[in-house]
């Protein structure tokens, strides 16, 4: 598994985790402050995050790495 896939898998499991619940002490014992369970990444679009990572990698290659390689090749040819 590539490192970005492992990172996305870890992020997906973190975003799907439940938030800790807070409790109030009452005369009858403890009661949850919010009766519903909450999830860290409630409305996160996981596919959009994965696509953004792939797009970033492609754009870095096209807009940074490739021009640097061209510059380096030209520099070496006139050196």
C-alpha atoms as a PDB file:
ATOM      1  CA  UNK A   1       0.000   0.000   0.000  1.00  0.00           C
ATOM      2  CA  UNK A   2       1.517   3.392  -0.991  1.00  0.00           C
ATOM      3  CA  UNK A   3       2.178   5.802   1.844  1.00  0.00           C
ATOM      4  CA  UNK A   4      -0.569   8.226   0.746  1.00  0.00           C
ATOM      5  CA  UNK A   5      -3.073   5.349   0.730  1.00  0.00           C
ATOM      6  CA  UNK A   6      -2.020   4.407   4.259  1.00  0.00           C
ATOM      7  CA  UNK A   7      -2.367   8.029   5.373  1.00  0.00           C
ATOM      8  CA  UNK A   8      -5.836   8.281   3.818  1.00  0.00           C
ATOM      9  CA  UNK A   9      -6.841   5.029   5.491  1.00  0.00           C
ATOM     10  CA  UNK A  10      -5.685   6.353   8.862  1.00  0.00           C
ATOM     11  CA  UNK A  11      -7.461   9.661   8.293  1.00  0.00           C
ATOM     12  CA  UNK A  12     -10.671   7.868   7.309  1.00  0.00           C
ATOM     13  CA  UNK A  13     -10.639   5.841  10.551  1.00  0.00           C
ATOM     14  CA  UNK A  14      -9.931   8.958  12.647  1.00  0.00           C
ATOM     15  CA  UNK A  15     -12.762  10.892  10.991  1.00  0.00           C
ATOM     16  CA  UNK A  16     -15.136   7.981  11.612  1.00  0.00           C
ATOM     17  CA  UNK A  17     -14.264   7.843  15.328  1.00  0.00           C
ATOM     18  CA  UNK A  18     -16.729   8.889  17.991  1.00  0.00           C
ATOM     19  CA  UNK A  19     -16.018  11.987  20.017  1.00  0.00           C
ATOM     20  CA  UNK A  20     -15.683  11.552  23.772  1.00  0.00           C
ATOM     21  CA  UNK A  21     -18.932  12.186  25.593  1.00  0.00           C
ATOM     22  CA  UNK A  22     -19.284  14.749  28.327  1.00  0.00           C
ATOM     23  CA  UNK A  23     -21.398  13.997  31.380  1.00  0.00           C
ATOM     24  CA  UNK A  24     -22.995  16.185  34.025  1.00  0.00           C
ATOM     25  CA  UNK A  25     -23.386  15.115  37.600  1.00  0.00           C
ATOM     26  CA  UNK A  26     -26.992  15.297  38.715  1.00  0.00           C
ATOM     27  CA  UNK A  27     -28.784  14.362  41.891  1.00  0.00           C
ATOM     28  CA  UNK A  28     -29.781  11.050  40.288  1.00  0.00           C
ATOM     29  CA  UNK A  29     -26.258  10.261  39.053  1.00  0.00           C
ATOM     30  CA  UNK A  30     -24.559  11.199  35.823  1.00  0.00           C
ATOM     31  CA  UNK A  31     -26.306  12.136  32.592  1.00  0.00           C
ATOM     32  CA  UNK A  32     -24.797  12.803  29.189  1.00  0.00           C
ATOM     33  CA  UNK A  33     -24.646  16.483  28.232  1.00  0.00           C
ATOM     34  CA  UNK A  34     -25.573  15.596  24.654  1.00  0.00           C
ATOM     35  CA  UNK A  35     -27.684  12.450  24.349  1.00  0.00           C
ATOM     36  CA  UNK A  36     -26.497  11.772  20.775  1.00  0.00           C
ATOM     37  CA  UNK A  37     -23.146  10.259  19.840  1.00  0.00           C
ATOM     38  CA  UNK A  38     -21.065  12.606  17.705  1.00  0.00           C
ATOM     39  CA  UNK A  39     -18.541  11.615  15.061  1.00  0.00           C
ATOM     40  CA  UNK A  40     -15.379  13.634  14.365  1.00  0.00           C
ATOM     41  CA  UNK A  41     -15.883  13.968  10.611  1.00  0.00           C
ATOM     42  CA  UNK A  42     -19.657  14.027  10.392  1.00  0.00           C
ATOM     43  CA  UNK A  43     -20.044  15.515   6.909  1.00  0.00           C
ATOM     44  CA  UNK A  44     -16.607  14.857   5.433  1.00  0.00           C
ATOM     45  CA  UNK A  45     -16.438  13.818   1.794  1.00  0.00           C
ATOM     46  CA  UNK A  46     -13.681  11.177   1.908  1.00  0.00           C
ATOM     47  CA  UNK A  47     -13.561  10.818  -1.867  1.00  0.00           C
ATOM     48  CA  UNK A  48     -12.909  14.536  -2.325  1.00  0.00           C
ATOM     49  CA  UNK A  49      -9.979  14.347   0.088  1.00  0.00           C
ATOM     50  CA  UNK A  50      -8.483  11.359  -1.744  1.00  0.00           C
ATOM     51  CA  UNK A  51      -8.951  13.088  -5.100  1.00  0.00           C
ATOM     52  CA  UNK A  52      -7.355  16.278  -3.783  1.00  0.00           C
ATOM     53  CA  UNK A  53      -4.274  14.316  -2.736  1.00  0.00           C
ATOM     54  CA  UNK A  54      -3.955  12.711  -6.150  1.00  0.00           C
ATOM     55  CA  UNK A  55      -4.493  16.052  -7.888  1.00  0.00           C
ATOM     56  CA  UNK A  56      -1.864  17.704  -5.691  1.00  0.00           C
ATOM     57  CA  UNK A  57       0.660  15.003  -6.562  1.00  0.00           C
ATOM     58  CA  UNK A  58      -0.045  15.380 -10.291  1.00  0.00           C
ATOM     59  CA  UNK A  59       0.153  19.180 -10.162  1.00  0.00           C
ATOM     60  CA  UNK A  60       3.416  19.086  -8.206  1.00  0.00           C
ATOM     61  CA  UNK A  61       4.869  16.822 -10.863  1.00  0.00           C
ATOM     62  CA  UNK A  62       3.590  18.973 -13.742  1.00  0.00           C
ATOM     63  CA  UNK A  63       4.217  22.415 -12.274  1.00  0.00           C
ATOM     64  CA  UNK A  64       7.316  21.924 -10.088  1.00  0.00           C
ATOM     65  CA  UNK A  65       9.251  18.714 -10.719  1.00  0.00           C
ATOM     66  CA  UNK A  66       9.074  18.736 -14.531  1.00  0.00           C
ATOM     67  CA  UNK A  67      10.142  22.425 -14.908  1.00  0.00           C
ATOM     68  CA  UNK A  68      12.988  21.847 -12.449  1.00  0.00           C
ATOM     69  CA  UNK A  69      14.147  18.810 -14.414  1.00  0.00           C
ATOM     70  CA  UNK A  70      14.058  20.853 -17.624  1.00  0.00           C
ATOM     71  CA  UNK A  71      16.016  23.661 -16.007  1.00  0.00           C
ATOM     72  CA  UNK A  72      18.562  21.207 -14.629  1.00  0.00           C
ATOM     73  CA  UNK A  73      18.986  19.563 -18.060  1.00  0.00           C
ATOM     74  CA  UNK A  74      19.511  22.989 -19.677  1.00  0.00           C
ATOM     75  CA  UNK A  75      21.971  23.993 -16.951  1.00  0.00           C
ATOM     76  CA  UNK A  76      23.961  20.798 -17.415  1.00  0.00           C
ATOM     77  CA  UNK A  77      24.089  21.302 -21.185  1.00  0.00           C
ATOM     78  CA  UNK A  78      25.679  24.770 -20.886  1.00  0.00           C
ATOM     79  CA  UNK A  79      27.875  23.990 -17.883  1.00  0.00           C
END
